[in-house]
C-alpha atoms as a PDB file:
ATOM      1  CA  LEU A   1     -29.037 -34.296-137.719  1.00  0.00           C
ATOM      2  CA  ALA A   2     -26.171 -36.202-139.477  1.00  0.00           C
ATOM      3  CA  PHE A   3     -27.580 -34.395-142.815  1.00  0.00           C
ATOM      4  CA  TYR A   4     -26.911 -30.629-141.289  1.00  0.00           C
ATOM      5  CA  ALA A   5     -23.337 -32.214-139.653  1.00  0.00           C
ATOM      6  CA  LEU A   6     -21.940 -33.382-143.290  1.00  0.00           C
ATOM      7  CA  MET A   7     -23.209 -30.021-145.476  1.00  0.00           C
ATOM      8  CA  LEU A   8     -21.749 -28.035-142.367  1.00  0.00           C
ATOM      9  CA  GLY A   9     -18.647 -30.193-142.157  1.00  0.00           C
ATOM     10  CA  GLY A  10     -18.355 -30.244-146.133  1.00  0.00           C
ATOM     11  CA  TRP A  11     -19.377 -26.359-146.383  1.00  0.00           C
ATOM     12  CA  SER A  12     -17.146 -24.774-143.933  1.00  0.00           C
ATOM     13  CA  SER A  13     -13.879 -26.278-144.997  1.00  0.00           C
ATOM     14  CA  GLY A  14     -14.165 -23.866-148.038  1.00  0.00           C
ATOM     15  CA  SER A  15     -12.968 -26.784-150.838  1.00  0.00           C
ATOM     16  CA  LYS A  16     -15.426 -27.592-153.588  1.00  0.00           C
ATOM     17  CA  TYR A  17     -14.081 -31.535-153.233  1.00  0.00           C
ATOM     18  CA  SER A  18     -14.906 -31.020-149.487  1.00  0.00           C
ATOM     19  CA  PHE A  19     -18.282 -29.540-150.644  1.00  0.00           C
ATOM     20  CA  LEU A  20     -19.293 -31.830-153.285  1.00  0.00           C
ATOM     21  CA  GLY A  21     -18.686 -35.059-150.601  1.00  0.00           C
ATOM     22  CA  ALA A  22     -21.023 -33.408-148.376  1.00  0.00           C
ATOM     23  CA  MET A  23     -23.418 -33.238-150.934  1.00  0.00           C
ATOM     24  CA  ARG A  24     -23.411 -36.444-152.025  1.00  0.00           C
ATOM     25  CA  SER A  25     -23.078 -38.257-148.387  1.00  0.00           C
ATOM     26  CA  ALA A  26     -26.302 -36.337-147.652  1.00  0.00           C
ATOM     27  CA  ALA A  27     -28.280 -37.312-150.855  1.00  0.00           C
ATOM     28  CA  GLN A  28     -27.050 -40.735-149.729  1.00  0.00           C
ATOM     29  CA  LEU A  29     -28.085 -41.042-146.565  1.00  0.00           C
ATOM     30  CA  ILE A  30     -31.568 -39.248-147.465  1.00  0.00           C
ATOM     31  CA  SER A  31     -32.133 -41.680-150.017  1.00  0.00           C
ATOM     32  CA  TYR A  32     -31.456 -45.300-147.974  1.00  0.00           C
ATOM     33  CA  GLU A  33     -32.689 -43.458-144.751  1.00  0.00           C
ATOM     34  CA  VAL A  34     -36.251 -44.325-145.184  1.00  0.00           C
ATOM     35  CA  ALA A  35     -35.608 -47.696-146.713  1.00  0.00           C
ATOM     36  CA  LEU A  36     -33.421 -48.485-143.633  1.00  0.00           C
ATOM     37  CA  GLY A  37     -36.639 -47.378-141.488  1.00  0.00           C
ATOM     38  CA  LEU A  38     -39.109 -49.735-143.056  1.00  0.00           C
ATOM     39  CA  SER A  39     -37.093 -52.865-142.882  1.00  0.00           C
ATOM     40  CA  LEU A  40     -37.039 -52.243-138.945  1.00  0.00           C
ATOM     41  CA  LEU A  41     -40.662 -51.537-139.140  1.00  0.00           C
ATOM     42  CA  GLY A  42     -41.495 -54.806-140.301  1.00  0.00           C
ATOM     43  CA  VAL A  43     -39.899 -56.514-137.395  1.00  0.00           C
ATOM     44  CA  ALA A  44     -41.337 -53.880-135.050  1.00  0.00           C
ATOM     45  CA  MET A  45     -44.863 -54.977-136.280  1.00  0.00           C
ATOM     46  CA  THR A  46     -43.762 -58.917-136.047  1.00  0.00           C
ATOM     47  CA  ALA A  47     -42.739 -58.419-132.736  1.00  0.00           C
ATOM     48  CA  GLY A  48     -46.064 -56.372-131.819  1.00  0.00           C
ATOM     49  CA  SER A  49     -43.762 -53.756-129.836  1.00  0.00           C
ATOM     50  CA  LEU A  50     -41.188 -50.962-130.332  1.00  0.00           C
ATOM     51  CA  SER A  51     -39.210 -51.850-127.413  1.00  0.00           C
ATOM     52  CA  LEU A  52     -35.633 -53.661-128.306  1.00  0.00           C
ATOM     53  CA  VAL A  53     -35.794 -55.071-124.999  1.00  0.00           C
ATOM     54  CA  ASP A  54     -39.536 -56.871-125.959  1.00  0.00           C
ATOM     55  CA  ILE A  55     -37.913 -57.488-129.805  1.00  0.00           C
ATOM     56  CA  VAL A  56     -34.612 -59.719-128.234  1.00  0.00           C
ATOM     57  CA  ASN A  57     -36.879 -61.264-125.564  1.00  0.00           C
ATOM     58  CA  SER A  58     -39.523 -62.513-128.134  1.00  0.00           C
ATOM     59  CA  GLN A  59     -36.634 -63.989-130.283  1.00  0.00           C
ATOM     60  CA  ASP A  60     -35.494 -66.187-127.322  1.00  0.00           C
ATOM     61  CA  GLY A  61     -34.770 -69.459-129.905  1.00  0.00           C
ATOM     62  CA  ILE A  62     -32.514 -69.670-133.258  1.00  0.00           C
ATOM     63  CA  LEU A  63     -35.411 -70.433-135.153  1.00  0.00           C
ATOM     64  CA  SER A  64     -37.385 -67.505-133.963  1.00  0.00           C
ATOM     65  CA  TRP A  65     -34.904 -65.299-134.754  1.00  0.00           C
ATOM     66  CA  TYR A  66     -36.358 -62.662-137.044  1.00  0.00           C
ATOM     67  CA  VAL A  67     -33.748 -63.222-139.632  1.00  0.00           C
ATOM     68  CA  LEU A  68     -35.960 -66.221-140.623  1.00  0.00           C
ATOM     69  CA  PRO A  69     -39.475 -64.764-141.325  1.00  0.00           C
ATOM     70  CA  GLN A  70     -38.193 -61.081-141.915  1.00  0.00           C
ATOM     71  CA  PHE A  71     -34.741 -62.411-144.448  1.00  0.00           C
ATOM     72  CA  VAL A  72     -36.103 -59.875-147.154  1.00  0.00           C
ATOM     73  CA  GLY A  73     -36.401 -57.038-144.356  1.00  0.00           C
ATOM     74  CA  PHE A  74     -32.645 -57.886-143.449  1.00  0.00           C
ATOM     75  CA  LEU A  75     -31.283 -57.637-146.601  1.00  0.00           C
ATOM     76  CA  ILE A  76     -32.971 -54.186-147.150  1.00  0.00           C
ATOM     77  CA  PHE A  77     -31.218 -53.247-143.858  1.00  0.00           C
ATOM     78  CA  MET A  78     -27.629 -54.495-144.564  1.00  0.00           C
ATOM     79  CA  VAL A  79     -27.714 -53.010-148.178  1.00  0.00           C
ATOM     80  CA  ALA A  80     -28.945 -49.645-146.944  1.00  0.00           C
ATOM     81  CA  GLY A  81     -26.802 -50.254-143.818  1.00  0.00           C
ATOM     82  CA  PHE A  82     -23.667 -49.999-146.154  1.00  0.00           C
ATOM     83  CA  ALA A  83     -25.017 -46.976-147.910  1.00  0.00           C
ATOM     84  CA  GLU A  84     -25.657 -45.381-144.520  1.00  0.00           C
ATOM     85  CA  THR A  85     -22.187 -45.897-143.392  1.00  0.00           C
ATOM     86  CA  ALA A  86     -20.756 -45.231-146.879  1.00  0.00           C
ATOM     87  CA  ARG A  87     -18.981 -48.319-146.832  1.00  0.00           C
ATOM     88  CA  PRO A  88     -17.793 -49.871-150.066  1.00  0.00           C
ATOM     89  CA  PRO A  89     -19.244 -50.582-152.718  1.00  0.00           C
ATOM     90  CA  PHE A  90     -21.549 -47.219-151.672  1.00  0.00           C
ATOM     91  CA  ASP A  91     -18.564 -44.897-150.802  1.00  0.00           C
ATOM     92  CA  LEU A  92     -19.071 -42.536-153.012  1.00  0.00           C
ATOM     93  CA  PRO A  93     -18.860 -39.637-150.869  1.00  0.00           C
ATOM     94  CA  GLU A  94     -14.836 -40.775-150.090  1.00  0.00           C
ATOM     95  CA  ALA A  95     -14.056 -42.005-153.940  1.00  0.00           C
ATOM     96  CA  ASP A  96     -10.592 -41.065-154.163  1.00  0.00           C
ATOM     97  CA  ALA A  97     -10.172 -40.997-157.700  1.00  0.00           C
ATOM     98  CA  GLU A  98     -13.211 -38.083-158.151  1.00  0.00           C
ATOM     99  CA  ILE A  99     -13.017 -35.870-154.709  1.00  0.00           C
ATOM    100  CA  VAL A 100      -9.909 -37.203-153.015  1.00  0.00           C
ATOM    101  CA  ALA A 101     -11.203 -38.099-149.641  1.00  0.00           C
ATOM    102  CA  GLY A 102     -14.964 -36.062-149.427  1.00  0.00           C
ATOM    103  CA  TYR A 103     -16.420 -33.855-146.986  1.00  0.00           C
ATOM    104  CA  ASN A 104     -13.170 -34.595-144.355  1.00  0.00           C
ATOM    105  CA  THR A 105     -10.466 -33.482-147.303  1.00  0.00           C
ATOM    106  CA  GLU A 106      -9.658 -29.965-145.675  1.00  0.00           C
ATOM    107  CA  TYR A 107      -9.521 -31.623-142.095  1.00  0.00           C
ATOM    108  CA  GLY A 108      -6.068 -32.689-140.186  1.00  0.00           C
ATOM    109  CA  GLY A 109      -5.737 -33.572-136.684  1.00  0.00           C
ATOM    110  CA  MET A 110      -8.870 -34.440-134.138  1.00  0.00           C
ATOM    111  CA  ARG A 111     -11.035 -32.787-136.280  1.00  0.00           C
ATOM    112  CA  PHE A 112      -9.954 -35.675-139.030  1.00  0.00           C
ATOM    113  CA  GLY A 113      -9.753 -38.123-136.453  1.00  0.00           C
ATOM    114  CA  SER A 114     -13.196 -37.291-134.850  1.00  0.00           C
ATOM    115  CA  PHE A 115     -14.922 -37.368-138.305  1.00  0.00           C
ATOM    116  CA  PHE A 116     -12.761 -40.816-139.282  1.00  0.00           C
ATOM    117  CA  MET A 117     -13.619 -42.476-136.070  1.00  0.00           C
ATOM    118  CA  ALA A 118     -17.583 -41.359-136.157  1.00  0.00           C
ATOM    119  CA  GLU A 119     -17.269 -43.603-139.477  1.00  0.00           C
ATOM    120  CA  TYR A 120     -16.517 -46.540-137.778  1.00  0.00           C
ATOM    121  CA  ILE A 121     -18.356 -46.143-134.993  1.00  0.00           C
ATOM    122  CA  GLU A 122     -21.578 -45.978-137.049  1.00  0.00           C
ATOM    123  CA  MET A 123     -20.425 -49.272-138.261  1.00  0.00           C
ATOM    124  CA  ILE A 124     -20.600 -50.581-134.435  1.00  0.00           C
ATOM    125  CA  VAL A 125     -24.376 -49.335-134.091  1.00  0.00           C
ATOM    126  CA  VAL A 126     -25.547 -50.659-137.182  1.00  0.00           C
ATOM    127  CA  SER A 127     -24.285 -54.374-136.294  1.00  0.00           C
ATOM    128  CA  GLY A 128     -25.566 -53.636-132.849  1.00  0.00           C
ATOM    129  CA  VAL A 129     -28.790 -52.881-134.322  1.00  0.00           C
ATOM    130  CA  ALA A 130     -29.083 -55.677-136.801  1.00  0.00           C
ATOM    131  CA  THR A 131     -27.898 -58.359-134.218  1.00  0.00           C
ATOM    132  CA  ALA A 132     -30.747 -57.131-132.021  1.00  0.00           C
ATOM    133  CA  MET A 133     -33.457 -56.999-134.559  1.00  0.00           C
ATOM    134  CA  PHE A 134     -32.467 -59.892-136.305  1.00  0.00           C
ATOM    135  CA  LEU A 135     -30.389 -62.153-135.011  1.00  0.00           C
ATOM    136  CA  GLY A 136     -31.460 -62.756-131.236  1.00  0.00           C
ATOM    137  CA  GLY A 137     -29.872 -60.298-129.832  1.00  0.00           C
ATOM    138  CA  TRP A 138     -28.287 -61.541-126.677  1.00  0.00           C
ATOM    139  CA  HIS A 139     -29.691 -65.029-126.997  1.00  0.00           C
ATOM    140  CA  GLY A 140     -27.803 -68.136-127.759  1.00  0.00           C
ATOM    141  CA  PHE A 141     -26.172 -71.456-126.478  1.00  0.00           C
ATOM    142  CA  GLY A 142     -25.176 -71.668-122.804  1.00  0.00           C
ATOM    143  CA  PRO A 143     -25.673 -70.285-119.217  1.00  0.00           C
ATOM    144  CA  GLU A 144     -27.329 -66.937-118.804  1.00  0.00           C
ATOM    145  CA  TRP A 145     -23.947 -65.122-117.982  1.00  0.00           C
ATOM    146  CA  LEU A 146     -22.817 -65.571-121.698  1.00  0.00           C
ATOM    147  CA  ALA A 147     -25.399 -63.412-122.876  1.00  0.00           C
ATOM    148  CA  PRO A 148     -23.090 -60.377-123.384  1.00  0.00           C
ATOM    149  CA  PHE A 149     -20.700 -62.231-125.108  1.00  0.00           C
ATOM    150  CA  TRP A 150     -22.940 -63.726-127.752  1.00  0.00           C
ATOM    151  CA  PHE A 151     -24.287 -59.844-128.258  1.00  0.00           C
ATOM    152  CA  LEU A 152     -20.488 -59.274-129.120  1.00  0.00           C
ATOM    153  CA  ALA A 153     -19.735 -62.509-131.331  1.00  0.00           C
ATOM    154  CA  LYS A 154     -22.678 -61.755-133.197  1.00  0.00           C
ATOM    155  CA  MET A 155     -21.576 -58.131-133.928  1.00  0.00           C
ATOM    156  CA  LEU A 156     -18.375 -59.087-134.394  1.00  0.00           C
ATOM    157  CA  ALA A 157     -19.554 -60.793-137.362  1.00  0.00           C
ATOM    158  CA  PHE A 158     -21.016 -58.099-138.873  1.00  0.00           C
ATOM    159  CA  LEU A 159     -18.388 -56.149-138.702  1.00  0.00           C
ATOM    160  CA  VAL A 160     -16.242 -58.982-140.241  1.00  0.00           C
ATOM    161  CA  PHE A 161     -19.134 -59.217-143.034  1.00  0.00           C
ATOM    162  CA  PHE A 162     -18.431 -55.103-143.111  1.00  0.00           C
ATOM    163  CA  ILE A 163     -14.712 -55.611-144.247  1.00  0.00           C
ATOM    164  CA  TRP A 164     -15.162 -58.631-146.365  1.00  0.00           C
ATOM    165  CA  ILE A 165     -17.559 -56.377-148.693  1.00  0.00           C
ATOM    166  CA  ARG A 166     -15.049 -54.282-148.441  1.00  0.00           C
ATOM    167  CA  ALA A 167     -12.629 -56.054-150.288  1.00  0.00           C
ATOM    168  CA  THR A 168     -14.863 -57.947-153.123  1.00  0.00           C
ATOM    169  CA  LEU A 169     -17.224 -55.350-154.422  1.00  0.00           C
ATOM    170  CA  PRO A 170     -16.101 -52.323-156.742  1.00  0.00           C
ATOM    171  CA  ARG A 171     -17.571 -48.635-156.393  1.00  0.00           C
ATOM    172  CA  LEU A 172     -20.589 -48.413-157.738  1.00  0.00           C
ATOM    173  CA  ARG A 173     -21.332 -45.348-160.226  1.00  0.00           C
ATOM    174  CA  TYR A 174     -23.326 -42.487-158.195  1.00  0.00           C
ATOM    175  CA  ASP A 175     -26.343 -42.564-160.887  1.00  0.00           C
ATOM    176  CA  GLN A 176     -26.422 -46.353-159.799  1.00  0.00           C
ATOM    177  CA  LEU A 177     -26.301 -45.499-156.281  1.00  0.00           C
ATOM    178  CA  MET A 178     -29.282 -43.139-156.325  1.00  0.00           C
ATOM    179  CA  SER A 179     -31.824 -45.185-159.303  1.00  0.00           C
ATOM    180  CA  PHE A 180     -30.978 -48.397-157.228  1.00  0.00           C
ATOM    181  CA  GLY A 181     -32.043 -46.785-153.453  1.00  0.00           C
ATOM    182  CA  TRP A 182     -34.972 -45.142-155.603  1.00  0.00           C
ATOM    183  CA  LYS A 183     -36.248 -47.181-157.742  1.00  0.00           C
ATOM    184  CA  VAL A 184     -35.410 -50.858-156.282  1.00  0.00           C
ATOM    185  CA  LEU A 185     -34.502 -50.601-152.294  1.00  0.00           C
ATOM    186  CA  LEU A 186     -37.644 -48.296-151.460  1.00  0.00           C
ATOM    187  CA  PRO A 187     -40.438 -50.547-153.121  1.00  0.00           C
ATOM    188  CA  LEU A 188     -38.910 -53.056-152.145  1.00  0.00           C
ATOM    189  CA  ALA A 189     -38.915 -51.961-148.538  1.00  0.00           C
ATOM    190  CA  THR A 190     -42.758 -50.930-149.135  1.00  0.00           C
ATOM    191  CA  LEU A 191     -43.570 -54.063-150.322  1.00  0.00           C
ATOM    192  CA  ASN A 192     -41.644 -55.744-147.164  1.00  0.00           C
ATOM    193  CA  VAL A 193     -43.937 -53.794-144.903  1.00  0.00           C
ATOM    194  CA  MET A 194     -46.890 -54.271-146.947  1.00  0.00           C
ATOM    195  CA  VAL A 195     -46.868 -57.870-146.969  1.00  0.00           C
ATOM    196  CA  THR A 196     -45.980 -58.244-143.119  1.00  0.00           C
ATOM    197  CA  ALA A 197     -48.829 -56.473-142.124  1.00  0.00           C
ATOM    198  CA  VAL A 198     -51.170 -58.805-143.792  1.00  0.00           C
ATOM    199  CA  VAL A 199     -49.469 -61.976-142.115  1.00  0.00           C
ATOM    200  CA  VAL A 200     -49.624 -60.148-138.874  1.00  0.00           C
ATOM    201  CA  VAL A 201     -53.224 -59.235-139.106  1.00  0.00           C
ATOM    202  CA  LEU A 202     -54.253 -62.349-140.369  1.00  0.00           C
ATOM    203  CA  THR A 203     -52.221 -64.411-137.824  1.00  0.00           C
END
């Protein structure tokens, strides 16, 4: 669904820069969506459930967090998460030197605010999913009433990591972005799922 929203948002503004940014966003979204899903599939296979509650409850201790047995999947999720949210170094749809501000170039007021706010909400969602799937969700030290604060603290750590990467790494070229997604990340995610399946069956 995000694909249609991006394409319509870029096309309807009537600007070639906006439409080019929308096409870049859509291609990037499709390229990294598969690897993102496969990285989460490894966690679901390890937990033996697709329920987020069951997955979090199976990580009730630090040593049982899935970031350890699914470390490769965690790295794949983080890289694909950066690409999905179009954060640096994967912010090609908004490359200022090439296409101004991407698909929202011609928008102003609340329309621009909605696009802008949606990008940061997407960062929060990716941080929440990573916390639930890999870092034990609401599990932590102390009494049970601290559970929501543990979840928020882990999400905040992910958001700080997003900002740190933004200030550290330069932007990739578009061909490097697409080549990395299809030739490196997708085969690695597929291999991770296959190895996880073998380990789950044998154990």
